[in-house]
Amino acid sequence: MMDLMLDAGKIIIADLILSGDNALIIGMAAAGLAPELRKKAILYGMVIAALLRIVFAVIATTLLGIPGILFVGSLLLFWVCWRLFVEIRSGVDEQAEHAMEDAENPEAGYTGPPRRTLASALISITIADVSMSLDNVLAVAAIADGNTNMLIFGLALAILLMAFAATLIMKLLTNYPWISWLGLIVLVYVAAEMFYRGVFDASTGIGPMMGWFEGYDLSKGH
C-alpha cells in the first residue's frame, strides 16, 4: 500500500512539472491566432496531447518487457531530466503562464483579423506535442513499472491537469519553483532506478543479456 502511495505521489509530481512545455506551446500557438479561434485551438491542442499520450502509453507498455529496453528507456529519461533542468533554469513555467494568460485574454496576444488558420496552429502543436507527450509517458510508465492501473491513473491525471488546470499549474510552479526542483530530483531517482534495473535485472537487463554476469531478480516485491 505504501509503495502504491509513493508511486502515485511520484506520478503526480511528474505530471505537474512535465506539463509546462505543453502549456507553453499550446498557449503560444493560441495567442498567435485571432481571438475567436483561440478557445478551439486550446481545446483541440489538449485533445491532441491526450491522444498522443494514449498512443505512446500503449507502445511503452508493450515495449518495456523487451530485454534491454529498460536500459534504453533510462537513458531517454535522463535526457528528459536534462531538458527539464534547462527549462527550470530558463523559466519555462513563467513563460507558459504568460502564454496561457494571453491566449485566454481576447485583448492580449494577436488581436487583428485572422492571419493564420486553426489547422496550421494545430499542426505546430502536434509536432511539438510528439516529443513532450513521449517525455510524460516515459516518466509515468517508468514509475508505474507494469502496473496498468497506475499507468492509467498517471495518464488520466495528466490529461485532466492539461484540460482544466493548465494556467493554475503554471502559476503554482512559477510562485513555488521548489516544486519543479523536487520533481526533477524525483525523476532523476526514477531514471537511476530504471538504469540499475536495465543493467542488472536477470530477465531484462543488458548485463545478463550480454553474458557479463548472471544478474538479480529486481522485479516488484524483491
Protein backbone atom coordinates (compact mmCIF):
# COMPACT_ATOMS: atom_id res chain seq x y z
CA MET A 1 0.00 0.00 0.00
CA MET A 2 2.81 2.37 0.91
CA ASP A 3 4.58 1.60 -2.37
CA LEU A 4 1.41 2.43 -4.30
CA MET A 5 1.05 5.73 -2.46
CA LEU A 6 4.68 6.63 -3.12
CA ASP A 7 4.32 5.77 -6.80
CA ALA A 8 1.13 7.82 -7.02
CA GLY A 9 2.96 10.76 -5.44
CA LYS A 10 5.81 10.43 -7.94
CA ILE A 11 3.35 10.35 -10.84
CA ILE A 12 1.50 13.45 -9.60
CA ILE A 13 4.77 15.39 -9.33
CA ALA A 14 5.95 14.16 -12.74
CA ASP A 15 2.66 15.16 -14.36
CA LEU A 16 2.83 18.61 -12.76
CA ILE A 17 6.36 19.51 -13.76
CA LEU A 18 6.18 18.00 -17.25
CA SER A 19 3.04 19.95 -18.16
CA GLY A 20 4.89 23.26 -18.53
CA ASP A 21 6.23 22.80 -22.05
CA ASN A 22 2.83 21.58 -23.28
CA ALA A 23 1.11 24.64 -21.83
CA LEU A 24 3.77 26.92 -23.36
CA ILE A 25 3.38 25.51 -26.87
CA ILE A 26 -0.43 25.46 -26.78
CA GLY A 27 -0.60 28.93 -25.22
CA MET A 28 1.83 30.48 -27.71
CA ALA A 29 0.09 28.89 -30.69
CA ALA A 30 -3.33 30.02 -29.47
CA ALA A 31 -2.17 33.56 -28.59
CA GLY A 32 -0.94 33.99 -32.17
CA LEU A 33 -4.42 33.36 -33.54
CA ALA A 34 -7.32 35.78 -33.82
CA PRO A 35 -9.31 35.80 -30.54
CA GLU A 36 -12.31 33.95 -31.99
CA LEU A 37 -10.13 30.92 -32.83
CA ARG A 38 -8.25 30.62 -29.54
CA LYS A 39 -10.68 28.53 -27.49
CA LYS A 40 -10.85 25.96 -30.28
CA ALA A 41 -7.04 25.89 -30.55
CA ILE A 42 -6.65 25.32 -26.80
CA LEU A 43 -9.34 22.62 -26.76
CA TYR A 44 -8.07 20.78 -29.83
CA GLY A 45 -4.47 21.15 -28.64
CA MET A 46 -5.40 19.44 -25.36
CA VAL A 47 -7.21 16.66 -27.24
CA ILE A 48 -4.16 16.08 -29.47
CA ALA A 49 -1.89 15.91 -26.43
CA ALA A 50 -4.26 13.43 -24.74
CA LEU A 51 -4.45 11.16 -27.80
CA LEU A 52 -0.69 11.15 -28.23
CA ARG A 53 -0.22 10.16 -24.60
CA ILE A 54 -2.63 7.23 -25.00
CA VAL A 55 -0.87 6.01 -28.17
CA PHE A 56 2.59 6.30 -26.60
CA ALA A 57 1.36 4.58 -23.42
CA VAL A 58 0.17 1.54 -25.41
CA ILE A 59 3.54 1.39 -27.19
CA ALA A 60 5.52 1.86 -23.96
CA THR A 61 3.56 -0.85 -22.14
CA THR A 62 4.27 -3.26 -24.98
CA LEU A 63 7.96 -2.44 -25.20
CA LEU A 64 9.01 -2.28 -21.53
CA GLY A 65 9.12 -6.06 -21.20
CA ILE A 66 11.66 -6.47 -24.02
CA PRO A 67 15.18 -7.31 -22.77
CA GLY A 68 17.43 -4.25 -22.93
CA ILE A 69 14.62 -1.73 -23.34
CA LEU A 70 14.78 -0.58 -19.71
CA PHE A 71 18.40 0.46 -20.25
CA VAL A 72 17.49 2.45 -23.36
CA GLY A 73 14.48 3.93 -21.57
CA SER A 74 16.62 5.04 -18.64
CA LEU A 75 18.95 6.92 -20.99
CA LEU A 76 15.95 8.64 -22.59
CA LEU A 77 14.61 9.52 -19.13
CA PHE A 78 17.99 11.01 -18.15
CA TRP A 79 17.69 13.14 -21.30
CA VAL A 80 14.22 14.24 -20.15
CA CYS A 81 15.75 15.21 -16.79
CA TRP A 82 18.42 17.29 -18.53
CA ARG A 83 15.81 19.07 -20.66
CA LEU A 84 13.72 19.72 -17.56
CA PHE A 85 16.77 21.15 -15.77
CA VAL A 86 17.38 23.55 -18.67
CA GLU A 87 13.70 24.53 -18.73
CA ILE A 88 13.65 25.25 -14.99
CA ARG A 89 16.77 27.40 -15.32
CA SER A 90 15.26 29.32 -18.26
CA GLY A 91 11.89 29.93 -16.54
CA VAL A 92 9.68 27.96 -18.95
CA ASP A 93 6.86 27.76 -16.40
CA GLU A 94 6.68 31.55 -16.14
CA GLN A 95 6.71 31.84 -19.93
CA ALA A 96 3.93 29.24 -20.13
CA GLU A 97 1.88 31.11 -17.54
CA HIS A 98 2.06 34.33 -19.59
CA ALA A 99 1.32 32.46 -22.84
CA MET A 100 -1.80 30.81 -21.40
CA GLU A 101 -2.99 34.10 -19.90
CA ASP A 102 -2.54 35.83 -23.28
CA ALA A 103 -4.38 33.02 -25.06
CA GLU A 104 -7.32 33.23 -22.65
CA ASN A 105 -7.49 37.05 -22.79
CA PRO A 106 -9.14 38.27 -26.04
CA GLU A 107 -7.43 41.65 -25.62
CA ALA A 108 -3.92 40.18 -25.36
CA GLY A 109 -1.76 38.43 -27.93
CA TYR A 110 -2.64 38.93 -31.58
CA THR A 111 -5.95 40.80 -31.83
CA GLY A 112 -6.23 41.54 -35.56
CA PRO A 113 -8.18 39.69 -38.24
CA PRO A 114 -7.35 36.00 -38.83
CA ARG A 115 -3.92 35.74 -40.45
CA ARG A 116 -3.20 32.12 -39.56
CA THR A 117 -5.57 29.19 -39.85
CA LEU A 118 -6.56 26.99 -36.95
CA ALA A 119 -5.21 23.98 -38.88
CA SER A 120 -1.70 25.48 -39.15
CA ALA A 121 -1.67 26.20 -35.40
CA LEU A 122 -2.74 22.64 -34.64
CA ILE A 123 -0.01 21.23 -36.89
CA SER A 124 2.56 23.22 -34.89
CA ILE A 125 1.05 21.99 -31.62
CA THR A 126 1.02 18.35 -32.81
CA ILE A 127 4.68 18.40 -33.91
CA ALA A 128 5.77 19.88 -30.57
CA ASP A 129 3.45 17.56 -28.60
CA VAL A 130 5.05 14.40 -30.01
CA SER A 131 8.24 14.97 -28.03
CA MET A 132 6.52 16.35 -24.93
CA SER A 133 3.93 13.57 -24.73
CA LEU A 134 6.68 10.97 -25.08
CA ASP A 135 8.53 12.57 -22.15
CA ASN A 136 5.45 12.40 -19.94
CA VAL A 137 4.52 8.84 -20.88
CA LEU A 138 8.10 7.60 -20.43
CA ALA A 139 8.25 9.05 -16.91
CA VAL A 140 4.83 7.71 -15.91
CA ALA A 141 5.47 4.27 -17.44
CA ALA A 142 8.81 4.02 -15.60
CA ILE A 143 7.13 4.86 -12.28
CA ALA A 144 4.13 2.57 -12.92
CA ASP A 145 6.53 -0.31 -13.69
CA GLY A 146 3.97 -2.55 -15.36
CA ASN A 147 1.06 -1.59 -13.10
CA THR A 148 -1.69 -0.88 -15.65
CA ASN A 149 -3.96 0.85 -13.12
CA MET A 150 -1.14 3.18 -12.07
CA LEU A 151 -0.32 3.93 -15.71
CA ILE A 152 -3.96 4.78 -16.45
CA PHE A 153 -4.09 6.96 -13.32
CA GLY A 154 -0.99 8.87 -14.43
CA LEU A 155 -2.24 9.44 -17.96
CA ALA A 156 -5.75 10.41 -16.85
CA LEU A 157 -4.30 12.86 -14.33
CA ALA A 158 -2.01 14.42 -16.95
CA ILE A 159 -4.93 14.87 -19.35
CA LEU A 160 -7.19 16.36 -16.65
CA LEU A 161 -4.47 18.75 -15.49
CA MET A 162 -3.88 19.96 -19.04
CA ALA A 163 -7.57 20.30 -19.79
CA PHE A 164 -8.79 22.07 -16.66
CA ALA A 165 -5.86 23.49 -14.72
CA ALA A 166 -3.01 24.38 -17.10
CA THR A 167 -2.90 28.10 -16.20
CA LEU A 168 -3.31 27.37 -12.47
CA ILE A 169 -0.46 24.84 -12.54
CA MET A 170 1.83 27.32 -14.29
CA LYS A 171 1.05 29.93 -11.62
CA LEU A 172 1.77 27.36 -8.91
CA LEU A 173 5.12 26.34 -10.41
CA THR A 174 6.09 29.97 -11.04
CA ASN A 175 5.29 31.03 -7.47
CA TYR A 176 6.82 27.92 -5.87
CA PRO A 177 9.83 26.92 -8.01
CA TRP A 178 10.96 24.39 -5.38
CA ILE A 179 8.16 22.11 -6.66
CA SER A 180 9.93 21.91 -10.04
CA TRP A 181 13.28 21.16 -8.39
CA LEU A 182 11.66 18.48 -6.20
CA GLY A 183 10.10 16.98 -9.32
CA LEU A 184 13.47 16.95 -11.08
CA ILE A 185 15.02 15.10 -8.13
CA VAL A 186 12.20 12.53 -8.25
CA LEU A 187 12.68 11.99 -12.00
CA VAL A 188 16.46 11.61 -11.63
CA TYR A 189 15.82 8.97 -8.94
CA VAL A 190 13.35 7.15 -11.21
CA ALA A 191 15.83 7.29 -14.12
CA ALA A 192 18.65 5.96 -11.91
CA GLU A 193 16.45 3.11 -10.63
CA MET A 194 15.43 2.30 -14.20
CA PHE A 195 19.10 2.35 -15.28
CA TYR A 196 20.08 -0.02 -12.45
CA ARG A 197 17.35 -2.49 -13.39
CA GLY A 198 18.17 -2.04 -17.08
CA VAL A 199 21.70 -3.21 -16.39
CA PHE A 200 21.36 -5.77 -13.58
CA ASP A 201 17.87 -7.33 -13.84
CA ALA A 202 18.13 -11.03 -14.62
CA SER A 203 15.28 -11.05 -17.13
CA THR A 204 15.53 -7.65 -18.86
CA GLY A 205 19.00 -6.24 -18.01
CA ILE A 206 21.69 -5.84 -20.64
CA GLY A 207 24.32 -7.34 -18.30
CA PRO A 208 22.79 -10.83 -18.18
CA MET A 209 21.64 -10.49 -21.79
CA MET A 210 25.24 -9.87 -22.94
CA GLY A 211 26.58 -12.62 -20.67
CA TRP A 212 28.58 -10.24 -18.48
CA PHE A 213 27.05 -11.57 -15.22
CA GLU A 214 24.02 -13.54 -14.04
CA GLY A 215 22.04 -10.57 -12.74
CA TYR A 216 19.44 -10.29 -9.98
CA ASP A 217 15.68 -10.61 -9.70
CA LEU A 218 14.71 -6.92 -9.48
CA SER A 219 11.02 -7.24 -10.22
CA LYS A 220 8.47 -5.68 -7.86
CA GLY A 221 8.42 -7.37 -4.49
CA HIS A 222 12.15 -8.23 -4.48
